[in-house]
Protein backbone atom coordinates (compact mmCIF):
# COMPACT_ATOMS: atom_id res chain seq x y z
CA MET A 1 118.68 73.79 76.75
CA PRO A 2 119.35 77.41 78.50
CA ARG A 3 121.36 77.49 81.19
CA ALA A 4 119.22 78.25 84.73
CA SER A 5 119.87 82.32 85.98
CA SER A 6 121.54 80.88 89.24
CA GLU A 7 124.15 79.75 86.97
CA LEU A 8 124.46 83.12 85.37
CA PRO A 9 126.15 86.26 86.86
CA LEU A 10 123.23 88.58 88.81
CA ALA A 11 123.60 92.15 86.41
CA LEU A 12 124.11 94.37 89.53
CA PRO A 13 123.38 98.30 88.31
CA THR A 14 124.32 101.47 90.37
CA PRO A 15 122.38 103.68 92.26
CA ALA A 16 121.93 105.67 89.52
CA GLU A 17 121.40 102.81 87.02
CA HIS A 18 118.87 101.43 89.07
CA PRO A 19 115.65 103.11 88.05
CA GLN A 20 116.67 102.42 84.47
CA TRP A 21 117.36 98.92 84.94
CA LEU A 22 114.21 98.26 87.14
CA ARG A 23 111.99 99.46 84.26
CA ASN A 24 113.30 97.02 81.83
CA LYS A 25 113.33 93.86 83.75
CA ARG A 26 109.76 94.56 84.82
CA ARG A 27 108.71 95.35 81.49
CA GLN A 28 110.36 91.82 80.08
CA LEU A 29 108.90 89.97 83.27
CA THR A 30 105.69 91.63 82.16
CA ARG A 31 106.00 90.39 78.48
CA MET A 32 106.30 86.58 80.01
CA LEU A 33 103.41 87.27 82.40
CA GLY A 34 100.90 88.37 79.25
CA ALA A 35 99.27 91.87 78.64
CA PHE A 36 97.42 92.85 81.63
CA PRO A 37 94.05 94.17 80.43
CA PRO A 38 93.39 97.97 81.41
CA LYS A 39 91.99 98.55 85.07
CA THR A 40 88.48 99.48 85.13
CA ASP A 41 86.17 100.89 87.54
CA LEU A 42 86.20 99.10 90.89
CA ASN A 43 82.63 99.06 91.43
CA ALA A 44 83.14 98.45 95.37
CA ARG A 45 80.05 97.43 97.79
CA THR A 46 79.87 96.39 101.19
CA THR A 47 77.21 93.82 101.69
CA ARG A 48 77.57 93.53 105.39
CA ARG A 49 79.03 95.46 108.59
CA LYS A 50 79.45 94.32 112.04
CA GLU A 51 81.02 95.85 114.89
CA GLU A 52 83.10 93.67 117.44
CA ALA A 53 85.16 94.88 120.93
CA ASP A 54 88.17 95.71 118.84
CA ARG A 55 87.37 95.93 115.33
CA ILE A 56 85.36 96.41 112.54
CA VAL A 57 84.67 93.41 110.12
CA GLU A 58 82.98 94.23 106.58
CA TRP A 59 82.50 91.82 103.89
CA VAL A 60 83.05 93.55 100.41
CA SER A 61 83.30 93.03 97.09
CA TYR A 62 85.29 94.93 94.01
CA GLU A 63 85.74 93.74 90.34
CA ALA A 64 89.13 92.60 89.26
CA GLU A 65 88.02 93.16 85.51
CA PRO A 66 84.17 93.63 84.66
CA GLY A 67 82.47 90.84 85.50
CA ASP A 68 84.93 89.47 87.52
CA ILE A 69 83.75 89.87 91.31
CA VAL A 70 86.10 89.30 93.84
CA PRO A 71 85.04 88.96 97.63
CA ALA A 72 86.86 89.81 100.48
CA VAL A 73 86.55 90.29 104.05
CA LEU A 74 88.20 93.82 105.46
CA LEU A 75 89.21 93.83 108.97
CA ILE A 76 89.21 97.42 110.97
CA PRO A 77 91.37 97.86 114.22
CA LYS A 78 88.83 100.01 116.76
CA HIS A 79 90.20 102.76 119.16
CA ARG A 80 93.47 103.94 116.71
CA THR A 81 93.31 106.71 114.89
CA PRO A 82 93.18 106.52 110.97
CA PRO A 83 94.55 106.56 108.40
CA LEU A 84 96.62 103.39 109.28
CA PRO A 85 98.89 100.89 107.44
CA ALA A 86 97.39 98.25 105.81
CA VAL A 87 98.07 94.49 105.21
CA LEU A 88 96.81 92.79 102.30
CA CYS A 89 96.65 88.81 103.12
CA HIS A 90 96.83 85.92 100.47
CA HIS A 91 95.59 83.07 101.45
CA GLN A 92 97.32 79.51 101.15
CA HIS A 93 96.76 77.00 98.29
CA ALA A 94 97.15 73.58 100.09
CA GLY A 95 95.18 72.03 97.21
CA ASN A 96 92.10 73.04 99.36
CA PHE A 97 89.87 74.75 96.93
CA GLU A 98 86.84 75.08 99.57
CA LEU A 99 88.99 77.14 101.74
CA GLY A 100 90.49 81.08 100.59
CA LYS A 101 89.99 84.22 102.38
CA SER A 102 88.18 82.49 105.68
CA GLU A 103 91.39 80.91 106.79
CA VAL A 104 93.50 83.98 106.91
CA LEU A 105 90.53 85.53 109.13
CA GLY A 106 90.80 82.38 111.33
CA TRP A 107 87.22 81.14 110.55
CA SER A 108 88.10 77.60 109.30
CA GLY A 109 91.47 75.71 108.24
CA ASN A 110 94.58 76.16 109.53
CA PRO A 111 94.60 78.24 112.92
CA GLN A 112 98.59 78.67 111.68
CA GLN A 113 97.00 80.98 109.04
CA ALA A 114 95.18 83.26 110.60
CA TYR A 115 97.50 85.67 109.79
CA ALA A 116 94.81 88.66 108.85
CA ALA A 117 93.05 88.39 112.37
CA GLU A 118 96.45 88.67 114.05
CA LEU A 119 97.73 91.75 112.18
CA CYS A 120 94.43 93.80 112.59
CA ALA A 121 94.76 92.79 116.41
CA ARG A 122 98.07 94.67 116.29
CA GLY A 123 96.64 97.74 114.65
CA TYR A 124 96.81 97.05 110.86
CA VAL A 125 93.78 97.38 108.16
CA THR A 126 93.57 93.99 107.11
CA LEU A 127 92.23 92.78 103.59
CA ALA A 128 91.42 88.82 102.59
CA PRO A 129 90.18 88.31 99.33
CA ASP A 130 89.50 85.11 97.80
CA CYS A 131 92.29 84.14 95.00
CA ILE A 132 90.27 83.12 91.68
CA GLY A 133 89.59 79.46 91.77
CA PHE A 134 89.41 79.69 95.21
CA GLU A 135 86.04 79.63 98.33
CA GLU A 136 84.07 82.06 96.76
CA ARG A 137 85.31 82.22 93.45
CA SER A 138 85.45 78.27 92.29
CA HIS A 139 83.48 77.18 89.42
CA PRO A 140 79.95 75.77 89.97
CA ARG A 141 80.66 73.11 87.69
CA LEU A 142 84.08 72.34 87.60
CA ALA A 143 86.02 70.86 90.64
CA GLY A 144 89.08 72.99 92.12
CA PRO A 145 91.69 71.11 90.50
CA ASP A 146 89.74 71.32 86.84
CA TYR A 147 88.78 74.99 87.33
CA GLU A 148 92.48 75.42 88.12
CA ARG A 149 94.04 73.54 84.79
CA TYR A 150 91.13 74.88 82.77
CA LEU A 151 91.97 78.55 83.81
CA HIS A 152 95.77 78.02 82.98
CA TYR A 153 94.92 76.99 79.30
CA GLU A 154 92.36 79.15 79.08
CA LEU A 155 94.74 82.23 79.67
CA LEU A 156 97.77 80.81 77.92
CA ILE A 157 95.49 80.79 74.72
CA LYS A 158 94.57 84.28 75.69
CA GLY A 159 98.08 85.21 75.94
CA TRP A 160 98.15 85.24 79.73
CA THR A 161 99.17 83.35 82.32
CA LEU A 162 97.66 82.31 85.80
CA GLN A 163 100.41 83.86 87.49
CA GLY A 164 99.95 86.91 85.57
CA LYS A 165 95.78 86.88 86.40
CA MET A 166 96.41 86.25 90.18
CA ILE A 167 99.02 89.28 90.11
CA PHE A 168 96.70 91.50 88.42
CA ASP A 169 94.10 90.68 90.97
CA VAL A 170 96.51 91.69 93.57
CA THR A 171 97.07 95.21 91.91
CA ARG A 172 93.06 95.39 92.16
CA ALA A 173 93.06 94.53 95.76
CA ILE A 174 95.79 97.33 96.15
CA ASP A 175 93.51 99.79 94.52
CA TYR A 176 91.08 98.87 96.57
CA LEU A 177 92.84 99.10 100.10
CA ARG A 178 94.31 102.53 99.04
CA SER A 179 90.82 104.05 98.12
CA ARG A 180 89.79 103.31 101.90
CA PRO A 181 89.42 106.24 104.27
CA GLU A 182 90.97 104.22 107.08
CA VAL A 183 94.25 103.11 105.18
CA ASP A 184 97.31 104.90 104.97
CA ALA A 185 97.97 104.66 101.34
CA ASN A 186 101.79 105.05 101.89
CA ARG A 187 102.17 102.21 103.94
CA VAL A 188 100.40 98.92 102.83
CA GLY A 189 102.14 95.81 102.96
CA MET A 190 101.75 92.27 101.81
CA MET A 191 101.82 88.90 102.97
CA GLY A 192 101.12 85.36 102.65
CA HIS A 193 102.13 81.67 102.88
CA SER A 194 102.70 79.14 100.32
CA LEU A 195 100.88 80.09 97.41
CA GLY A 196 100.37 83.52 99.21
CA ALA A 197 104.24 83.87 99.68
CA ALA A 198 104.68 83.23 95.79
CA GLU A 199 101.64 85.80 95.09
CA THR A 200 103.58 88.28 97.51
CA PHE A 201 106.82 88.21 96.11
CA PHE A 202 105.97 88.12 92.32
CA SER A 203 103.24 90.90 92.86
CA THR A 204 105.59 93.19 95.03
CA SER A 205 108.22 92.89 92.45
CA LEU A 206 106.13 94.82 89.70
CA GLU A 207 103.51 96.84 92.03
CA PRO A 208 105.73 99.54 94.11
CA ARG A 209 102.69 100.45 96.10
CA ILE A 210 103.41 97.05 98.31
CA LYS A 211 106.02 98.82 100.42
CA VAL A 212 107.02 95.62 102.53
CA GLY A 213 106.66 92.21 101.76
CA VAL A 214 106.61 88.86 103.75
CA ALA A 215 106.50 85.60 102.22
CA SER A 216 106.31 82.36 103.77
CA CYS A 217 107.37 79.00 102.86
CA ALA A 218 107.84 79.51 98.76
CA VAL A 219 110.95 81.48 98.19
CA THR A 220 113.42 79.08 96.19
CA THR A 221 115.20 78.79 92.59
CA TYR A 222 113.54 76.90 89.89
CA LYS A 223 116.99 75.09 89.38
CA ALA A 224 116.74 73.50 92.98
CA ILE A 225 112.37 72.80 92.55
CA GLN A 226 113.72 70.62 89.33
CA ALA A 227 116.41 69.11 91.30
CA ALA A 228 113.85 68.15 94.08
CA GLU A 229 111.43 67.06 91.23
CA ALA A 230 108.59 68.78 92.89
CA ILE A 231 105.24 69.86 91.32
CA HIS A 232 103.53 73.34 92.30
CA ASN A 233 100.50 74.53 91.03
CA PRO A 234 100.07 75.88 87.30
CA GLY A 235 100.42 79.53 88.00
CA PHE A 236 103.84 79.29 89.66
CA TYR A 237 105.37 79.06 86.49
CA VAL A 238 105.88 81.59 83.61
CA PRO A 239 106.77 80.69 80.07
CA GLY A 240 110.59 81.28 79.26
CA LEU A 241 111.44 82.77 82.48
CA LEU A 242 114.30 80.43 83.02
CA GLN A 243 115.88 82.16 79.51
CA TRP A 244 114.99 85.61 81.81
CA GLY A 245 116.45 84.73 84.80
CA ASP A 246 115.18 82.74 88.20
CA LEU A 247 112.78 83.98 91.33
CA THR A 248 116.37 85.43 92.49
CA ASP A 249 115.37 88.00 89.41
CA VAL A 250 112.31 87.90 90.99
CA VAL A 251 112.93 89.21 93.99
CA SER A 252 115.50 91.67 93.17
CA LEU A 253 113.14 93.66 91.56
CA ILE A 254 112.06 93.99 94.94
CA ALA A 255 114.65 95.95 96.12
CA PRO A 256 115.42 98.43 98.12
CA ARG A 257 112.04 97.62 99.60
CA PRO A 258 111.96 95.62 102.89
CA PHE A 259 111.62 92.03 102.12
CA LEU A 260 111.74 89.30 104.37
CA ALA A 261 111.44 85.11 103.46
CA LEU A 262 110.49 82.90 106.01
CA ASN A 263 111.17 78.76 104.72
CA GLY A 264 111.34 75.24 106.23
CA GLU A 265 114.66 73.48 106.62
CA GLU A 266 112.54 70.27 105.83
CA ASP A 267 110.10 71.94 103.16
CA TRP A 268 111.70 69.63 100.21
CA ARG A 269 109.26 71.16 97.63
CA PHE A 270 110.84 74.66 98.09
CA PRO A 271 114.27 73.34 99.03
CA ILE A 272 116.34 75.78 101.60
CA ALA A 273 119.45 75.88 99.02
CA GLY A 274 117.30 77.29 96.59
CA ALA A 275 115.89 80.07 99.50
CA LYS A 276 119.58 81.24 100.83
CA GLU A 277 120.70 81.38 96.91
CA VAL A 278 117.46 83.51 96.38
CA ILE A 279 118.30 85.41 99.53
CA ASP A 280 122.04 85.65 99.37
CA ARG A 281 122.20 87.07 95.48
CA ALA A 282 119.26 89.34 96.10
CA LYS A 283 120.89 90.88 99.03
CA MET A 284 123.94 91.60 96.79
CA LEU A 285 122.03 94.32 94.88
CA TYR A 286 120.68 95.85 98.08
CA ARG A 287 123.87 96.07 99.61
CA ARG A 288 124.66 98.38 96.60
CA LEU A 289 121.21 100.00 97.06
CA GLY A 290 122.57 100.56 100.61
CA ALA A 291 119.85 99.14 102.17
CA PRO A 292 121.40 95.29 103.20
CA GLU A 293 119.52 95.45 106.28
CA ALA A 294 116.37 95.73 104.56
CA ILE A 295 116.03 91.69 103.19
CA GLU A 296 116.39 88.92 105.19
CA LEU A 297 116.15 85.03 105.46
CA PHE A 298 114.36 83.04 108.30
CA VAL A 299 114.93 79.68 108.40
CA SER A 300 112.42 77.17 110.56
CA PRO A 301 113.72 73.74 111.53
CA LYS A 302 110.06 72.81 110.34
CA ALA A 303 108.78 72.14 107.29
CA HIS A 304 105.74 73.63 104.99
CA GLU A 305 103.96 75.21 107.84
CA PHE A 306 103.68 78.42 109.54
CA THR A 307 105.13 78.33 113.14
CA ASP A 308 104.74 80.62 115.92
CA GLU A 309 108.49 81.42 115.42
CA MET A 310 107.79 82.68 111.84
CA HIS A 311 104.61 84.60 113.12
CA SER A 312 106.52 86.63 115.49
CA ARG A 313 109.08 87.28 112.99
CA ALA A 314 107.05 88.43 110.10
CA TYR A 315 105.08 90.59 112.50
CA ASN A 316 108.00 92.45 113.68
CA TRP A 317 109.18 93.06 110.32
CA ILE A 318 105.80 94.40 109.31
CA ASP A 319 105.83 96.89 112.35
CA ARG A 320 110.20 97.61 111.86
CA TRP A 321 109.36 98.75 108.23
CA LEU A 322 105.86 99.61 107.79
């Protein structure tokens, strides 16, 4: 059985070697995720628009793939001069497939998760789409967990993966954000909690247009997850990834762009020892590329939650870099 990558040395390219190293590593990771489909027209639509005191709310949709329509909500700050920085806000999983974009908008669910609304109040355009299988993208007949498994298996036999599909959908969300006249296309970030955090670091590793990432409660190593005997959603697992590396290698593909991980000391499903290993080892590459201050880990004494202190640090990080 191959050793986990955390037992292997992390190859560190020089700054001159880094572009080619990055291309090779991204190509290898993409191969494990499965072949991404060609991008087609977004066919974007705005179905409803509402003006509020400090923001404009737009209910929008766009096609990730032909016929695969993504419902989303765009929040646009008022009294600001465009083009503005933007943040893609990816919702959590929590086993609740009835919630998606509405939770990060603060319209339902856990108030801790309302970061799309809170970032808009700070002056960012925010986009909150439904991840496949959640809220308006649920299946008309299959229950949430059943549909998630169905997607996982269907994509595997087609030579793709659920993680690959979710990353592809993120790239389409970035396409949509950058198409908006209110958005500065060179200042787009991404943030998420739990599932949203995993999609943030996986997507940012492959999508260079994401200029800053914030991941709450998902960074660790697969080795630490296996030791804890934790079980996550099917999309978190990429066939063959441990033969290539570990999440340390995924996060290292973000360098030298700014990345903040926020983890809970008592979050046993994403063990803190693994989170420290990921950031410590990735920081080696950031340091070699001359950007040691662009990666950071904040550890909360809590478990799997997005506390007020974590909110504050996340928003300050985005303000600093975006």
